[in-house]
Protein backbone atom coordinates (compact mmCIF):
# COMPACT_ATOMS: atom_id res chain seq x y z
CA MET A 1 8.77 0.95 -19.97
CA ILE A 2 10.33 1.95 -16.64
CA VAL A 3 7.76 3.02 -14.05
CA ARG A 4 8.48 4.64 -10.70
CA SER A 5 6.60 4.68 -7.44
CA PHE A 6 5.57 7.76 -5.48
CA ALA A 7 6.93 9.23 -2.29
CA PRO A 8 5.26 7.69 0.74
CA ILE A 9 2.21 9.10 2.45
CA GLU A 10 3.71 9.38 5.92
CA ALA A 11 3.68 11.04 9.29
CA PRO A 12 6.48 10.78 11.86
CA ASP A 13 4.16 9.07 14.35
CA ALA A 14 2.79 6.43 11.95
CA HIS A 15 2.04 3.06 13.54
CA THR A 16 0.86 1.18 10.44
CA LEU A 17 2.52 0.91 7.04
CA ILE A 18 0.51 -0.28 4.04
CA LEU A 19 2.73 -1.46 1.20
CA GLY A 20 1.60 -2.02 -2.36
CA SER A 21 3.75 -3.31 -5.20
CA MET A 22 3.81 -0.53 -7.84
CA PRO A 23 1.16 2.00 -8.94
CA GLY A 24 -0.86 1.04 -12.00
CA VAL A 25 -1.34 3.15 -15.12
CA ALA A 26 -4.34 5.13 -13.76
CA SER A 27 -2.42 5.98 -10.57
CA LEU A 28 0.72 6.96 -12.45
CA GLU A 29 -1.28 9.20 -14.78
CA ALA A 30 -3.11 10.84 -11.85
CA GLY A 31 -0.02 11.06 -9.64
CA GLN A 32 -2.03 9.48 -6.81
CA TYR A 33 -1.99 6.18 -4.99
CA TYR A 34 -4.82 3.81 -5.95
CA ALA A 35 -6.44 6.13 -8.51
CA HIS A 36 -8.22 3.47 -10.59
CA PRO A 37 -11.94 4.07 -10.00
CA ARG A 38 -12.62 0.36 -9.35
CA ASN A 39 -9.74 -0.10 -6.90
CA THR A 40 -11.22 -0.70 -3.45
CA PHE A 41 -8.36 0.88 -1.48
CA TRP A 42 -9.99 4.28 -0.91
CA PRO A 43 -13.46 2.89 -0.16
CA ILE A 44 -11.83 0.63 2.45
CA MET A 45 -9.84 3.56 3.87
CA GLY A 46 -13.12 5.49 4.01
CA GLU A 47 -14.75 2.74 6.07
CA LEU A 48 -11.78 2.34 8.41
CA TYR A 49 -10.36 5.87 8.73
CA GLY A 50 -12.76 8.33 7.08
CA ALA A 51 -10.44 8.71 4.06
CA GLY A 52 -13.00 7.80 1.43
CA PRO A 53 -12.91 8.49 -2.31
CA ASP A 54 -15.50 11.27 -1.94
CA LEU A 55 -12.79 13.46 -0.34
CA PRO A 56 -10.14 15.30 -2.35
CA TYR A 57 -6.87 13.37 -2.49
CA THR A 58 -5.05 15.80 -0.18
CA GLU A 59 -7.77 15.35 2.46
CA ARG A 60 -7.62 11.56 2.13
CA MET A 61 -3.87 11.71 2.73
CA ALA A 62 -4.40 13.98 5.74
CA CYS A 63 -6.96 11.55 7.21
CA LEU A 64 -4.54 8.65 6.87
CA LYS A 65 -1.67 10.60 8.42
CA ALA A 66 -3.89 11.70 11.32
CA SER A 67 -4.87 8.05 11.83
CA GLY A 68 -1.23 6.90 11.97
CA ILE A 69 -1.34 5.22 8.56
CA ALA A 70 1.56 5.39 6.10
CA VAL A 71 1.28 4.20 2.49
CA TRP A 72 4.13 3.26 0.18
CA ASP A 73 5.23 0.61 -2.29
CA VAL A 74 7.75 -2.16 -1.87
CA LEU A 75 9.21 -1.28 -5.26
CA GLN A 76 10.83 2.01 -6.15
CA SER A 77 10.85 1.22 -9.88
CA CYS A 78 10.39 -1.61 -12.32
CA VAL A 79 9.87 -2.39 -15.96
CA ARG A 80 6.22 -2.96 -16.81
CA ALA A 81 3.82 -2.33 -19.66
CA GLY A 82 0.29 -1.84 -18.36
CA SER A 83 -0.86 -2.33 -14.78
CA LEU A 84 -0.64 -6.04 -14.05
CA ASP A 85 1.70 -7.08 -11.25
CA ALA A 86 2.42 -10.30 -13.16
CA ASP A 87 4.17 -8.20 -15.83
CA ILE A 88 6.64 -6.56 -13.41
CA ARG A 89 10.30 -7.12 -14.30
CA GLY A 90 13.58 -5.45 -13.34
CA GLU A 91 12.52 -4.67 -9.77
CA VAL A 92 14.34 -2.01 -7.75
CA PRO A 93 13.13 -1.97 -4.12
CA ASN A 94 12.43 1.03 -1.93
CA ASP A 95 14.56 1.36 1.19
CA ILE A 96 12.07 -0.07 3.65
CA ALA A 97 14.78 -0.54 6.30
CA ALA A 98 15.49 3.22 6.31
CA PHE A 99 11.76 3.98 6.43
CA LEU A 100 11.35 1.79 9.50
CA VAL A 101 14.33 3.47 11.20
CA THR A 102 12.81 6.92 10.64
CA HIS A 103 9.35 5.68 11.70
CA PRO A 104 10.10 3.69 14.87
CA GLY A 105 6.42 3.61 15.86
CA ILE A 106 5.51 1.23 13.01
CA ARG A 107 4.09 -1.88 14.65
CA ARG A 108 1.97 -3.22 11.79
CA ILE A 109 2.64 -3.71 8.08
CA GLY A 110 -0.17 -4.58 5.70
CA LEU A 111 0.86 -5.97 2.32
CA ASN A 112 -1.67 -5.10 -0.36
CA GLY A 113 -1.82 -8.30 -2.39
CA GLY A 114 0.35 -11.20 -3.42
CA LYS A 115 2.95 -9.30 -5.45
CA ALA A 116 3.53 -6.82 -2.62
CA ALA A 117 3.93 -9.80 -0.27
CA ALA A 118 6.36 -11.63 -2.57
CA SER A 119 8.45 -8.50 -3.15
CA PHE A 120 8.46 -7.69 0.57
CA ARG A 121 9.67 -11.21 1.41
CA LYS A 122 12.45 -10.75 -1.15
CA TYR A 123 13.56 -7.21 -0.26
CA GLY A 124 12.13 -6.07 3.07
CA ALA A 125 11.49 -8.93 5.45
CA GLY A 126 15.09 -9.06 6.67
CA CYS A 127 14.94 -5.51 8.00
CA LEU A 128 12.01 -5.89 10.38
CA PRO A 129 12.49 -4.71 13.93
CA SER A 130 11.12 -7.04 16.58
CA GLY A 131 7.47 -6.61 17.43
CA VAL A 132 6.29 -5.63 13.94
CA ASN A 133 3.29 -7.66 12.79
CA VAL A 134 3.13 -8.28 9.02
CA ARG A 135 -0.13 -9.31 7.36
CA VAL A 136 -0.84 -10.14 3.72
CA LEU A 137 -4.11 -8.51 2.72
CA PRO A 138 -6.33 -9.24 -0.27
CA SER A 139 -5.38 -6.99 -3.14
CA THR A 140 -7.57 -3.94 -3.62
CA SER A 141 -6.87 -4.05 -7.36
CA PRO A 142 -9.86 -4.49 -9.66
CA ALA A 143 -7.88 -7.33 -11.26
CA HIS A 144 -8.31 -9.29 -8.00
CA ALA A 145 -11.97 -10.22 -8.23
CA ALA A 146 -11.86 -13.42 -6.17
CA ARG A 147 -13.29 -11.50 -3.21
CA GLY A 148 -15.96 -8.83 -3.26
CA PRO A 149 -15.48 -5.31 -1.84
CA GLU A 150 -17.33 -6.08 1.41
CA GLU A 151 -15.24 -9.18 2.12
CA LYS A 152 -12.02 -7.31 1.32
CA CYS A 153 -13.05 -4.53 3.69
CA GLU A 154 -13.78 -6.95 6.53
CA LEU A 155 -10.42 -8.69 6.06
CA TRP A 156 -8.61 -5.35 6.01
CA ARG A 157 -10.55 -4.25 9.12
CA ALA A 158 -9.55 -7.41 11.00
CA ALA A 159 -5.89 -7.02 10.01
CA LEU A 160 -5.51 -3.29 10.61
CA LEU A 161 -7.88 -2.64 13.48
CA GLY A 162 -8.01 -6.05 15.15
C-alpha cells in the first residue's frame, strides 16, 4: 500500500525542524502528525513548548509555529503495510533542500528516530546549509520502548533547547 506524508507544520520564521520518517496508521487515519495515543511526541511538545495532547490539534500546531518549530517527514511517500518503519519500501523523499531555502532561519534539525535519521542521511544531508546542527533523537513511537517517556523528554529537551 502506498502511503503519503502530510504537508509540514511550518512558519516562515521557524528555527527548528523536526523530521520523522512517515506517519503511522493512526496518524494517517486521523490526518494528524503523531496521532497514536501512546506516541510521546505531543507529551514532549507539551513539556517543551506548551503544545500538549490536551489541546486541540490546531492549537498544538499554533503553539509549535509560535515557538519556531516546524514538523515534517523525510519521506513524501513509501510503500508500507502497517506502521513499522522497518517495513518501509519504495521511498520517495520530500524536498528538504527546498524547505531549507524557504526557511533560512532553520538552525537545528531533530531527527525523530533511527529510520528518520537513515533516510535523512540518504536524501537530505547533502543539502544542509552551513551552521545547521542535526541531532538524532530517540523515537517517540510506542514501538521504541527502550527508553521511557521521561528519559525521551529529557533527551529531546537537551537537543532542542540546549
